[in-house]
Structures are given as structure tokens and as C-alpha cells.
Amino acid sequence: MSYLHTNQIKWMDMPVDGFTAKELFNHENGTFKVVKLEPKAKYPIHQHADKTEYAYVIEGELEATIGENKYKGVPGSFMTFPVGVKHGLHNPSDSQTILLIGAVKDLLELRD
């Protein structure tokens, strides 16, 4: 599909309570989605062996743990979560947070 409006897509539950998503693009080499975090929702620390993820804050607040560091995200913030690095997301506020989240498969793996 060449054109898609997010109003045409329903919010889908994610594996973690308080997180829902609208998938915009899904390919074996990467994904892209709009993600909604309910107030106080927390995505636990995890890591990916084969992909780099990234997040762009559209609305609300975000606390991101990347490795040993914590970062505060506000609208306009962009963060990357490299291959193999532990990371987690948290909405510390009493309002929802909206993110654009994508993932790209590790290019080294694609060359093999």
C-alpha cells in the first residue's frame, strides 16, 4: 500500500499492559508503528540481538533507560536503542504519551 491514514487503523494491544499500537509498516527487515503509552505505563528492560530500535516522542513524556543511562523525552525527542543494548520505556506522567517507534534489522546480519 502506498498511502495510509492512521485513522484507518485500530489500536492493537501490545504484550505489556498500558501499551497499544497502530502498525504502519511491517517488513522482515524493519517495522514502524505509532505507540500509545497510558499514564504510568512501563515497558520492562529488554534487548534485541538482531535489530536497532528508535523512538520519536510526538506527545507527552517519556523516560527511557538505555544501557546504564536514563533519558527524559519530550515532544521532538529522538532516541535509539542499539542492537544488544538493554533498554526500557516508561510514561511517568498522568497523561498519555504517543511515540513513533521503529526497528531496523542489523545490517551485518543481512549481509551473511
PDB file of N, CA and C in Angstrom:
ATOM      1  N   MET A   1       0.850  -1.183   0.000  1.00  0.00           N
ATOM      2  CA  MET A   1       0.000   0.000   0.000  1.00  0.00           C
ATOM      3  C   MET A   1       0.889   1.237   0.000  1.00  0.00           C
ATOM      4  N   SER A   2       0.560   2.212  -0.791  1.00  0.00           N
ATOM      5  CA  SER A   2       1.351   3.429  -0.905  1.00  0.00           C
ATOM      6  C   SER A   2       0.852   4.554  -0.019  1.00  0.00           C
ATOM      7  N   TYR A   3      -0.417   4.497   0.378  1.00  0.00           N
ATOM      8  CA  TYR A   3      -0.988   5.562   1.196  1.00  0.00           C
ATOM      9  C   TYR A   3      -1.808   4.946   2.311  1.00  0.00           C
ATOM     10  N   LEU A   4      -1.658   5.495   3.494  1.00  0.00           N
ATOM     11  CA  LEU A   4      -2.403   5.001   4.647  1.00  0.00           C
ATOM     12  C   LEU A   4      -2.600   6.142   5.626  1.00  0.00           C
ATOM     13  N   HIS A   5      -3.794   6.306   6.130  1.00  0.00           N
ATOM     14  CA  HIS A   5      -4.066   7.294   7.177  1.00  0.00           C
ATOM     15  C   HIS A   5      -4.254   6.541   8.481  1.00  0.00           C
ATOM     16  N   THR A   6      -3.623   7.010   9.537  1.00  0.00           N
ATOM     17  CA  THR A   6      -3.669   6.275  10.807  1.00  0.00           C
ATOM     18  C   THR A   6      -5.091   6.139  11.360  1.00  0.00           C
ATOM     19  N   ASN A   7      -6.008   6.989  10.938  1.00  0.00           N
ATOM     20  CA  ASN A   7      -7.403   6.840  11.388  1.00  0.00           C
ATOM     21  C   ASN A   7      -8.034   5.554  10.858  1.00  0.00           C
ATOM     22  N   GLN A   8      -7.434   4.970   9.817  1.00  0.00           N
ATOM     23  CA  GLN A   8      -7.950   3.733   9.234  1.00  0.00           C
ATOM     24  C   GLN A   8      -7.483   2.488   9.995  1.00  0.00           C
ATOM     25  N   ILE A   9      -6.602   2.676  10.959  1.00  0.00           N
ATOM     26  CA  ILE A   9      -6.011   1.548  11.682  1.00  0.00           C
ATOM     27  C   ILE A   9      -6.504   1.558  13.124  1.00  0.00           C
ATOM     28  N   LYS A  10      -6.894   0.401  13.628  1.00  0.00           N
ATOM     29  CA  LYS A  10      -7.344   0.292  15.018  1.00  0.00           C
ATOM     30  C   LYS A  10      -6.153   0.101  15.945  1.00  0.00           C
ATOM     31  N   TRP A  11      -6.288   0.622  17.160  1.00  0.00           N
ATOM     32  CA  TRP A  11      -5.273   0.393  18.180  1.00  0.00           C
ATOM     33  C   TRP A  11      -5.288  -1.089  18.553  1.00  0.00           C
ATOM     34  N   MET A  12      -4.103  -1.697  18.609  1.00  0.00           N
ATOM     35  CA  MET A  12      -3.976  -3.102  18.998  1.00  0.00           C
ATOM     36  C   MET A  12      -3.199  -3.194  20.304  1.00  0.00           C
ATOM     37  N   ASP A  13      -3.614  -4.114  21.167  1.00  0.00           N
ATOM     38  CA  ASP A  13      -2.897  -4.322  22.416  1.00  0.00           C
ATOM     39  C   ASP A  13      -1.503  -4.851  22.135  1.00  0.00           C
ATOM     40  N   MET A  14      -0.553  -4.418  22.947  1.00  0.00           N
ATOM     41  CA  MET A  14       0.807  -4.937  22.878  1.00  0.00           C
ATOM     42  C   MET A  14       0.981  -5.926  24.030  1.00  0.00           C
ATOM     43  N   PRO A  15       2.089  -6.649  24.085  1.00  0.00           N
ATOM     44  CA  PRO A  15       2.263  -7.659  25.136  1.00  0.00           C
ATOM     45  C   PRO A  15       2.372  -7.094  26.554  1.00  0.00           C
ATOM     46  N   VAL A  16       2.551  -5.783  26.697  1.00  0.00           N
ATOM     47  CA  VAL A  16       2.695  -5.152  28.006  1.00  0.00           C
ATOM     48  C   VAL A  16       1.477  -4.272  28.275  1.00  0.00           C
ATOM     49  N   ASP A  17       0.881  -4.406  29.467  1.00  0.00           N
ATOM     50  CA  ASP A  17      -0.277  -3.594  29.843  1.00  0.00           C
ATOM     51  C   ASP A  17       0.036  -2.108  29.727  1.00  0.00           C
ATOM     52  N   GLY A  18      -0.932  -1.348  29.206  1.00  0.00           N
ATOM     53  CA  GLY A  18      -0.787   0.097  29.094  1.00  0.00           C
ATOM     54  C   GLY A  18      -0.143   0.554  27.794  1.00  0.00           C
ATOM     55  N   PHE A  19       0.203  -0.396  26.913  1.00  0.00           N
ATOM     56  CA  PHE A  19       0.805  -0.073  25.623  1.00  0.00           C
ATOM     57  C   PHE A  19      -0.103  -0.580  24.515  1.00  0.00           C
ATOM     58  N   THR A  20      -0.453   0.295  23.581  1.00  0.00           N
ATOM     59  CA  THR A  20      -1.198  -0.103  22.391  1.00  0.00           C
ATOM     60  C   THR A  20      -0.479   0.477  21.174  1.00  0.00           C
ATOM     61  N   ALA A  21      -0.748  -0.099  20.000  1.00  0.00           N
ATOM     62  CA  ALA A  21      -0.016   0.333  18.812  1.00  0.00           C
ATOM     63  C   ALA A  21      -0.881   0.283  17.566  1.00  0.00           C
ATOM     64  N   LYS A  22      -0.501   1.118  16.608  1.00  0.00           N
ATOM     65  CA  LYS A  22      -1.035   1.077  15.254  1.00  0.00           C
ATOM     66  C   LYS A  22       0.153   0.776  14.352  1.00  0.00           C
ATOM     67  N   GLU A  23       0.148  -0.403  13.764  1.00  0.00           N
ATOM     68  CA  GLU A  23       1.258  -0.799  12.910  1.00  0.00           C
ATOM     69  C   GLU A  23       1.116  -0.143  11.545  1.00  0.00           C
ATOM     70  N   LEU A  24       2.146   0.606  11.148  1.00  0.00           N
ATOM     71  CA  LEU A  24       2.128   1.306   9.873  1.00  0.00           C
ATOM     72  C   LEU A  24       2.912   0.558   8.801  1.00  0.00           C
ATOM     73  N   PHE A  25       3.935  -0.167   9.229  1.00  0.00           N
ATOM     74  CA  PHE A  25       4.811  -0.852   8.281  1.00  0.00           C
ATOM     75  C   PHE A  25       5.407  -2.069   8.976  1.00  0.00           C
ATOM     76  N   ASN A  26       5.362  -3.205   8.294  1.00  0.00           N
ATOM     77  CA  ASN A  26       5.947  -4.420   8.857  1.00  0.00           C
ATOM     78  C   ASN A  26       6.614  -5.193   7.725  1.00  0.00           C
ATOM     79  N   HIS A  27       7.918  -5.313   7.837  1.00  0.00           N
ATOM     80  CA  HIS A  27       8.722  -5.992   6.825  1.00  0.00           C
ATOM     81  C   HIS A  27       9.734  -6.850   7.555  1.00  0.00           C
ATOM     82  N   GLU A  28      10.237  -7.871   6.920  1.00  0.00           N
ATOM     83  CA  GLU A  28      11.200  -8.740   7.594  1.00  0.00           C
ATOM     84  C   GLU A  28      12.443  -7.983   8.047  1.00  0.00           C
ATOM     85  N   ASN A  29      12.753  -6.843   7.431  1.00  0.00           N
ATOM     86  CA  ASN A  29      13.937  -6.068   7.791  1.00  0.00           C
ATOM     87  C   ASN A  29      13.652  -4.871   8.684  1.00  0.00           C
ATOM     88  N   GLY A  30      12.371  -4.611   8.989  1.00  0.00           N
ATOM     89  CA  GLY A  30      12.070  -3.482   9.857  1.00  0.00           C
ATOM     90  C   GLY A  30      10.596  -3.251  10.053  1.00  0.00           C
ATOM     91  N   THR A  31      10.280  -2.470  11.070  1.00  0.00           N
ATOM     92  CA  THR A  31       8.890  -2.130  11.396  1.00  0.00           C
ATOM     93  C   THR A  31       8.791  -0.650  11.740  1.00  0.00           C
ATOM     94  N   PHE A  32       7.557  -0.133  11.710  1.00  0.00           N
ATOM     95  CA  PHE A  32       7.293   1.255  12.085  1.00  0.00           C
ATOM     96  C   PHE A  32       5.870   1.318  12.618  1.00  0.00           C
ATOM     97  N   LYS A  33       5.670   1.913  13.789  1.00  0.00           N
ATOM     98  CA  LYS A  33       4.331   1.983  14.368  1.00  0.00           C
ATOM     99  C   LYS A  33       4.153   3.216  15.229  1.00  0.00           C
ATOM    100  N   VAL A  34       2.896   3.592  15.442  1.00  0.00           N
ATOM    101  CA  VAL A  34       2.516   4.605  16.418  1.00  0.00           C
ATOM    102  C   VAL A  34       2.202   3.838  17.698  1.00  0.00           C
ATOM    103  N   VAL A  35       2.780   4.265  18.813  1.00  0.00           N
ATOM    104  CA  VAL A  35       2.582   3.560  20.077  1.00  0.00           C
ATOM    105  C   VAL A  35       2.042   4.536  21.112  1.00  0.00           C
ATOM    106  N   LYS A  36       1.000   4.084  21.816  1.00  0.00           N
ATOM    107  CA  LYS A  36       0.392   4.890  22.881  1.00  0.00           C
ATOM    108  C   LYS A  36       0.727   4.257  24.218  1.00  0.00           C
ATOM    109  N   LEU A  37       1.252   5.075  25.139  1.00  0.00           N
ATOM    110  CA  LEU A  37       1.552   4.648  26.498  1.00  0.00           C
ATOM    111  C   LEU A  37       0.539   5.302  27.422  1.00  0.00           C
ATOM    112  N   GLU A  38      -0.201   4.496  28.141  1.00  0.00           N
ATOM    113  CA  GLU A  38      -1.135   5.033  29.129  1.00  0.00           C
ATOM    114  C   GLU A  38      -0.341   5.632  30.294  1.00  0.00           C
ATOM    115  N   PRO A  39      -0.979   6.498  31.093  1.00  0.00           N
ATOM    116  CA  PRO A  39      -0.273   7.079  32.242  1.00  0.00           C
ATOM    117  C   PRO A  39       0.365   5.998  33.115  1.00  0.00           C
ATOM    118  N   LYS A  40       1.612   6.251  33.495  1.00  0.00           N
ATOM    119  CA  LYS A  40       2.403   5.383  34.389  1.00  0.00           C
ATOM    120  C   LYS A  40       2.784   4.041  33.774  1.00  0.00           C
ATOM    121  N   ALA A  41       2.465   3.786  32.502  1.00  0.00           N
ATOM    122  CA  ALA A  41       2.797   2.503  31.872  1.00  0.00           C
ATOM    123  C   ALA A  41       4.316   2.352  31.766  1.00  0.00           C
ATOM    124  N   LYS A  42       4.771   1.115  31.922  1.00  0.00           N
ATOM    125  CA  LYS A  42       6.207   0.829  31.907  1.00  0.00           C
ATOM    126  C   LYS A  42       6.474  -0.424  31.073  1.00  0.00           C
ATOM    127  N   TYR A  43       7.347  -0.282  30.081  1.00  0.00           N
ATOM    128  CA  TYR A  43       7.789  -1.433  29.285  1.00  0.00           C
ATOM    129  C   TYR A  43       9.098  -1.909  29.903  1.00  0.00           C
ATOM    130  N   PRO A  44       9.158  -3.154  30.348  1.00  0.00           N
ATOM    131  CA  PRO A  44      10.331  -3.613  31.089  1.00  0.00           C
ATOM    132  C   PRO A  44      11.626  -3.600  30.262  1.00  0.00           C
ATOM    133  N   ILE A  45      12.722  -3.594  30.989  1.00  0.00           N
ATOM    134  CA  ILE A  45      14.049  -3.634  30.379  1.00  0.00           C
ATOM    135  C   ILE A  45      14.176  -4.915  29.549  1.00  0.00           C
ATOM    136  N   HIS A  46      14.657  -4.748  28.318  1.00  0.00           N
ATOM    137  CA  HIS A  46      14.850  -5.880  27.409  1.00  0.00           C
ATOM    138  C   HIS A  46      15.920  -5.495  26.389  1.00  0.00           C
ATOM    139  N   GLN A  47      16.292  -6.415  25.533  1.00  0.00           N
ATOM    140  CA  GLN A  47      17.256  -6.128  24.481  1.00  0.00           C
ATOM    141  C   GLN A  47      16.938  -6.981  23.262  1.00  0.00           C
ATOM    142  N   HIS A  48      17.483  -6.574  22.122  1.00  0.00           N
ATOM    143  CA  HIS A  48      17.273  -7.294  20.869  1.00  0.00           C
ATOM    144  C   HIS A  48      18.629  -7.675  20.285  1.00  0.00           C
ATOM    145  N   ALA A  49      18.757  -8.916  19.896  1.00  0.00           N
ATOM    146  CA  ALA A  49      20.020  -9.410  19.352  1.00  0.00           C
ATOM    147  C   ALA A  49      20.196  -9.081  17.879  1.00  0.00           C
ATOM    148  N   ASP A  50      19.097  -8.717  17.202  1.00  0.00           N
ATOM    149  CA  ASP A  50      19.191  -8.579  15.750  1.00  0.00           C
ATOM    150  C   ASP A  50      18.658  -7.272  15.182  1.00  0.00           C
ATOM    151  N   LYS A  51      18.273  -6.314  16.040  1.00  0.00           N
ATOM    152  CA  LYS A  51      17.734  -5.071  15.485  1.00  0.00           C
ATOM    153  C   LYS A  51      18.030  -3.873  16.376  1.00  0.00           C
ATOM    154  N   THR A  52      18.073  -2.708  15.738  1.00  0.00           N
ATOM    155  CA  THR A  52      18.149  -1.426  16.423  1.00  0.00           C
ATOM    156  C   THR A  52      16.750  -0.828  16.402  1.00  0.00           C
ATOM    157  N   GLU A  53      16.297  -0.356  17.550  1.00  0.00           N
ATOM    158  CA  GLU A  53      15.003   0.320  17.626  1.00  0.00           C
ATOM    159  C   GLU A  53      15.235   1.817  17.774  1.00  0.00           C
ATOM    160  N   TYR A  54      14.224   2.581  17.441  1.00  0.00           N
ATOM    161  CA  TYR A  54      14.278   4.021  17.641  1.00  0.00           C
ATOM    162  C   TYR A  54      12.899   4.526  18.024  1.00  0.00           C
ATOM    163  N   ALA A  55      12.876   5.648  18.741  1.00  0.00           N
ATOM    164  CA  ALA A  55      11.608   6.235  19.198  1.00  0.00           C
ATOM    165  C   ALA A  55      11.659   7.745  19.036  1.00  0.00           C
ATOM    166  N   TYR A  56      10.536   8.301  18.593  1.00  0.00           N
ATOM    167  CA  TYR A  56      10.366   9.749  18.462  1.00  0.00           C
ATOM    168  C   TYR A  56       9.128  10.129  19.261  1.00  0.00           C
ATOM    169  N   VAL A  57       9.270  11.064  20.184  1.00  0.00           N
ATOM    170  CA  VAL A  57       8.157  11.463  21.046  1.00  0.00           C
ATOM    171  C   VAL A  57       7.294  12.490  20.313  1.00  0.00           C
ATOM    172  N   ILE A  58       6.015  12.124  20.119  1.00  0.00           N
ATOM    173  CA  ILE A  58       5.044  13.019  19.479  1.00  0.00           C
ATOM    174  C   ILE A  58       4.316  13.859  20.527  1.00  0.00           C
ATOM    175  N   GLU A  59       3.921  13.196  21.615  1.00  0.00           N
ATOM    176  CA  GLU A  59       3.087  13.830  22.642  1.00  0.00           C
ATOM    177  C   GLU A  59       3.434  13.228  23.994  1.00  0.00           C
ATOM    178  N   GLY A  60       3.422  14.050  25.034  1.00  0.00           N
ATOM    179  CA  GLY A  60       3.593  13.551  26.393  1.00  0.00           C
ATOM    180  C   GLY A  60       5.048  13.482  26.835  1.00  0.00           C
ATOM    181  N   GLU A  61       5.275  12.652  27.854  1.00  0.00           N
ATOM    182  CA  GLU A  61       6.598  12.497  28.456  1.00  0.00           C
ATOM    183  C   GLU A  61       7.051  11.047  28.351  1.00  0.00           C
ATOM    184  N   LEU A  62       8.362  10.867  28.301  1.00  0.00           N
ATOM    185  CA  LEU A  62       8.927   9.525  28.235  1.00  0.00           C
ATOM    186  C   LEU A  62      10.189   9.486  29.073  1.00  0.00           C
ATOM    187  N   GLU A  63      10.332   8.429  29.847  1.00  0.00           N
ATOM    188  CA  GLU A  63      11.606   8.132  30.493  1.00  0.00           C
ATOM    189  C   GLU A  63      12.132   6.883  29.813  1.00  0.00           C
ATOM    190  N   ALA A  64      13.318   6.978  29.251  1.00  0.00           N
ATOM    191  CA  ALA A  64      13.921   5.835  28.569  1.00  0.00           C
ATOM    192  C   ALA A  64      15.195   5.444  29.282  1.00  0.00           C
ATOM    193  N   THR A  65      15.328   4.162  29.533  1.00  0.00           N
ATOM    194  CA  THR A  65      16.572   3.613  30.049  1.00  0.00           C
ATOM    195  C   THR A  65      17.285   2.988  28.858  1.00  0.00           C
ATOM    196  N   ILE A  66      18.519   3.412  28.636  1.00  0.00           N
ATOM    197  CA  ILE A  66      19.330   2.874  27.542  1.00  0.00           C
ATOM    198  C   ILE A  66      20.672   2.501  28.154  1.00  0.00           C
ATOM    199  N   GLY A  67      20.918   1.204  28.258  1.00  0.00           N
ATOM    200  CA  GLY A  67      22.113   0.754  28.961  1.00  0.00           C
ATOM    201  C   GLY A  67      22.013   1.153  30.422  1.00  0.00           C
ATOM    202  N   GLU A  68      22.999   1.838  30.918  1.00  0.00           N
ATOM    203  CA  GLU A  68      23.022   2.293  32.314  1.00  0.00           C
ATOM    204  C   GLU A  68      22.484   3.713  32.470  1.00  0.00           C
ATOM    205  N   ASN A  69      22.084   4.347  31.379  1.00  0.00           N
ATOM    206  CA  ASN A  69      21.663   5.753  31.415  1.00  0.00           C
ATOM    207  C   ASN A  69      20.153   5.898  31.325  1.00  0.00           C
ATOM    208  N   LYS A  70      19.639   6.978  31.926  1.00  0.00           N
ATOM    209  CA  LYS A  70      18.222   7.327  31.829  1.00  0.00           C
ATOM    210  C   LYS A  70      18.113   8.663  31.111  1.00  0.00           C
ATOM    211  N   TYR A  71      17.116   8.761  30.228  1.00  0.00           N
ATOM    212  CA  TYR A  71      16.895   9.977  29.458  1.00  0.00           C
ATOM    213  C   TYR A  71      15.437  10.385  29.575  1.00  0.00           C
ATOM    214  N   LYS A  72      15.213  11.700  29.587  1.00  0.00           N
ATOM    215  CA  LYS A  72      13.847  12.220  29.611  1.00  0.00           C
ATOM    216  C   LYS A  72      13.489  12.674  28.208  1.00  0.00           C
ATOM    217  N   GLY A  73      12.369  12.170  27.700  1.00  0.00           N
ATOM    218  CA  GLY A  73      11.909  12.551  26.377  1.00  0.00           C
ATOM    219  C   GLY A  73      10.689  13.444  26.460  1.00  0.00           C
ATOM    220  N   VAL A  74      10.662  14.454  25.624  1.00  0.00           N
ATOM    221  CA  VAL A  74       9.527  15.364  25.471  1.00  0.00           C
ATOM    222  C   VAL A  74       9.241  15.449  23.973  1.00  0.00           C
ATOM    223  N   PRO A  75       8.115  16.023  23.569  1.00  0.00           N
ATOM    224  CA  PRO A  75       7.838  16.106  22.137  1.00  0.00           C
ATOM    225  C   PRO A  75       9.036  16.666  21.350  1.00  0.00           C
ATOM    226  N   GLY A  76       9.392  15.932  20.308  1.00  0.00           N
ATOM    227  CA  GLY A  76      10.536  16.301  19.486  1.00  0.00           C
ATOM    228  C   GLY A  76      11.799  15.524  19.813  1.00  0.00           C
ATOM    229  N   SER A  77      11.802  14.760  20.925  1.00  0.00           N
ATOM    230  CA  SER A  77      12.977  13.963  21.297  1.00  0.00           C
ATOM    231  C   SER A  77      13.065  12.709  20.436  1.00  0.00           C
ATOM    232  N   PHE A  78      14.299  12.329  20.104  1.00  0.00           N
ATOM    233  CA  PHE A  78      14.562  11.133  19.309  1.00  0.00           C
ATOM    234  C   PHE A  78      15.615  10.304  20.028  1.00  0.00           C
ATOM    235  N   MET A  79      15.365   8.999  20.151  1.00  0.00           N
ATOM    236  CA  MET A  79      16.282   8.102  20.855  1.00  0.00           C
ATOM    237  C   MET A  79      16.481   6.835  20.049  1.00  0.00           C
ATOM    238  N   THR A  80      17.672   6.251  20.149  1.00  0.00           N
ATOM    239  CA  THR A  80      17.921   4.961  19.507  1.00  0.00           C
ATOM    240  C   THR A  80      18.326   3.948  20.568  1.00  0.00           C
ATOM    241  N   PHE A  81      17.965   2.696  20.316  1.00  0.00           N
ATOM    242  CA  PHE A  81      18.263   1.580  21.198  1.00  0.00           C
ATOM    243  C   PHE A  81      19.038   0.557  20.370  1.00  0.00           C
ATOM    244  N   PRO A  82      20.372   0.635  20.421  1.00  0.00           N
ATOM    245  CA  PRO A  82      21.199  -0.195  19.541  1.00  0.00           C
ATOM    246  C   PRO A  82      21.066  -1.701  19.792  1.00  0.00           C
ATOM    247  N   VAL A  83      21.452  -2.466  18.807  1.00  0.00           N
ATOM    248  CA  VAL A  83      21.476  -3.930  18.887  1.00  0.00           C
ATOM    249  C   VAL A  83      22.204  -4.353  20.163  1.00  0.00           C
ATOM    250  N   GLY A  84      21.573  -5.237  20.929  1.00  0.00           N
ATOM    251  CA  GLY A  84      22.207  -5.814  22.107  1.00  0.00           C
ATOM    252  C   GLY A  84      22.238  -4.944  23.348  1.00  0.00           C
ATOM    253  N   VAL A  85      21.768  -3.701  23.285  1.00  0.00           N
ATOM    254  CA  VAL A  85      21.786  -2.806  24.441  1.00  0.00           C
ATOM    255  C   VAL A  85      20.451  -2.906  25.177  1.00  0.00           C
ATOM    256  N   LYS A  86      20.508  -3.131  26.483  1.00  0.00           N
ATOM    257  CA  LYS A  86      19.284  -3.209  27.287  1.00  0.00           C
ATOM    258  C   LYS A  86      18.617  -1.841  27.326  1.00  0.00           C
ATOM    259  N   HIS A  87      17.281  -1.872  27.211  1.00  0.00           N
ATOM    260  CA  HIS A  87      16.530  -0.626  27.214  1.00  0.00           C
ATOM    261  C   HIS A  87      15.104  -0.865  27.709  1.00  0.00           C
ATOM    262  N   GLY A  88      14.461   0.200  28.162  1.00  0.00           N
ATOM    263  CA  GLY A  88      13.079   0.138  28.622  1.00  0.00           C
ATOM    264  C   GLY A  88      12.439   1.505  28.510  1.00  0.00           C
ATOM    265  N   LEU A  89      11.103   1.535  28.511  1.00  0.00           N
ATOM    266  CA  LEU A  89      10.346   2.781  28.368  1.00  0.00           C
ATOM    267  C   LEU A  89       9.357   2.928  29.505  1.00  0.00           C
ATOM    268  N   HIS A  90       9.121   4.187  29.917  1.00  0.00           N
ATOM    269  CA  HIS A  90       8.187   4.456  30.997  1.00  0.00           C
ATOM    270  C   HIS A  90       7.528   5.809  30.763  1.00  0.00           C
ATOM    271  N   ASN A  91       6.209   5.846  30.925  1.00  0.00           N
ATOM    272  CA  ASN A  91       5.485   7.112  30.904  1.00  0.00           C
ATOM    273  C   ASN A  91       5.299   7.524  32.363  1.00  0.00           C
ATOM    274  N   PRO A  92       6.061   8.504  32.845  1.00  0.00           N
ATOM    275  CA  PRO A  92       5.979   8.886  34.254  1.00  0.00           C
ATOM    276  C   PRO A  92       4.810   9.807  34.582  1.00  0.00           C
ATOM    277  N   SER A  93       4.081  10.240  33.581  1.00  0.00           N
ATOM    278  CA  SER A  93       3.068  11.278  33.782  1.00  0.00           C
ATOM    279  C   SER A  93       1.665  10.717  34.005  1.00  0.00           C
ATOM    280  N   ASP A  94       0.742  11.630  34.269  1.00  0.00           N
ATOM    281  CA  ASP A  94      -0.671  11.288  34.440  1.00  0.00           C
ATOM    282  C   ASP A  94      -1.449  11.453  33.133  1.00  0.00           C
ATOM    283  N   SER A  95      -0.742  11.684  32.030  1.00  0.00           N
ATOM    284  CA  SER A  95      -1.350  11.827  30.708  1.00  0.00           C
ATOM    285  C   SER A  95      -0.741  10.790  29.772  1.00  0.00           C
ATOM    286  N   GLN A  96      -1.420  10.511  28.663  1.00  0.00           N
ATOM    287  CA  GLN A  96      -0.885   9.538  27.708  1.00  0.00           C
ATOM    288  C   GLN A  96       0.339  10.102  26.984  1.00  0.00           C
ATOM    289  N   THR A  97       1.148   9.197  26.481  1.00  0.00           N
ATOM    290  CA  THR A  97       2.306   9.544  25.675  1.00  0.00           C
ATOM    291  C   THR A  97       2.152   8.842  24.325  1.00  0.00           C
ATOM    292  N   ILE A  98       2.463   9.549  23.246  1.00  0.00           N
ATOM    293  CA  ILE A  98       2.397   8.983  21.902  1.00  0.00           C
ATOM    294  C   ILE A  98       3.802   9.024  21.295  1.00  0.00           C
ATOM    295  N   LEU A  99       4.230   7.864  20.783  1.00  0.00           N
ATOM    296  CA  LEU A  99       5.546   7.732  20.180  1.00  0.00           C
ATOM    297  C   LEU A  99       5.425   7.180  18.763  1.00  0.00           C
ATOM    298  N   LEU A 100       6.408   7.480  17.943  1.00  0.00           N
ATOM    299  CA  LEU A 100       6.648   6.730  16.717  1.00  0.00           C
ATOM    300  C   LEU A 100       7.804   5.806  17.059  1.00  0.00           C
ATOM    301  N   ILE A 101       7.629   4.506  16.856  1.00  0.00           N
ATOM    302  CA  ILE A 101       8.681   3.541  17.158  1.00  0.00           C
ATOM    303  C   ILE A 101       8.942   2.691  15.928  1.00  0.00           C
ATOM    304  N   GLY A 102      10.204   2.538  15.634  1.00  0.00           N
ATOM    305  CA  GLY A 102      10.591   1.707  14.512  1.00  0.00           C
ATOM    306  C   GLY A 102      11.732   0.790  14.892  1.00  0.00           C
ATOM    307  N   ALA A 103      11.976  -0.164  14.044  1.00  0.00           N
ATOM    308  CA  ALA A 103      13.094  -1.084  14.241  1.00  0.00           C
ATOM    309  C   ALA A 103      13.687  -1.417  12.883  1.00  0.00           C
ATOM    310  N   VAL A 104      15.001  -1.558  12.866  1.00  0.00           N
ATOM    311  CA  VAL A 104      15.720  -1.923  11.656  1.00  0.00           C
ATOM    312  C   VAL A 104      16.591  -3.120  11.995  1.00  0.00           C
ATOM    313  N   LYS A 105      16.474  -4.156  11.190  1.00  0.00           N
ATOM    314  CA  LYS A 105      17.276  -5.356  11.407  1.00  0.00           C
ATOM    315  C   LYS A 105      18.749  -5.023  11.205  1.00  0.00           C
ATOM    316  N   ASP A 106      19.591  -5.627  12.018  1.00  0.00           N
ATOM    317  CA  ASP A 106      21.026  -5.395  11.947  1.00  0.00           C
ATOM    318  C   ASP A 106      21.535  -5.689  10.546  1.00  0.00           C
ATOM    319  N   LEU A 107      22.121  -4.695   9.911  1.00  0.00           N
ATOM    320  CA  LEU A 107      22.576  -4.835   8.527  1.00  0.00           C
ATOM    321  C   LEU A 107      23.701  -5.855   8.383  1.00  0.00           C
ATOM    322  N   LEU A 108      24.511  -6.043   9.407  1.00  0.00           N
ATOM    323  CA  LEU A 108      25.565  -7.052   9.327  1.00  0.00           C
ATOM    324  C   LEU A 108      24.967  -8.438   9.155  1.00  0.00           C
ATOM    325  N   GLU A 109      23.859  -8.659   9.858  1.00  0.00           N
ATOM    326  CA  GLU A 109      23.193  -9.956   9.738  1.00  0.00           C
ATOM    327  C   GLU A 109      22.634 -10.155   8.331  1.00  0.00           C
ATOM    328  N   LEU A 110      22.164  -9.068   7.714  1.00  0.00           N
ATOM    329  CA  LEU A 110      21.583  -9.175   6.381  1.00  0.00           C
ATOM    330  C   LEU A 110      22.623  -9.515   5.320  1.00  0.00           C
ATOM    331  N   ARG A 111      23.875  -9.169   5.564  1.00  0.00           N
ATOM    332  CA  ARG A 111      24.932  -9.429   4.586  1.00  0.00           C
ATOM    333  C   ARG A 111      25.365 -10.885   4.582  1.00  0.00           C
ATOM    334  N   ASP A 112      25.102 -11.623   5.639  1.00  0.00           N
ATOM    335  CA  ASP A 112      25.528 -13.036   5.737  1.00  0.00           C
ATOM    336  C   ASP A 112      24.779 -13.931   4.790  1.00  0.00           C
TER     337      ASP A 112
END
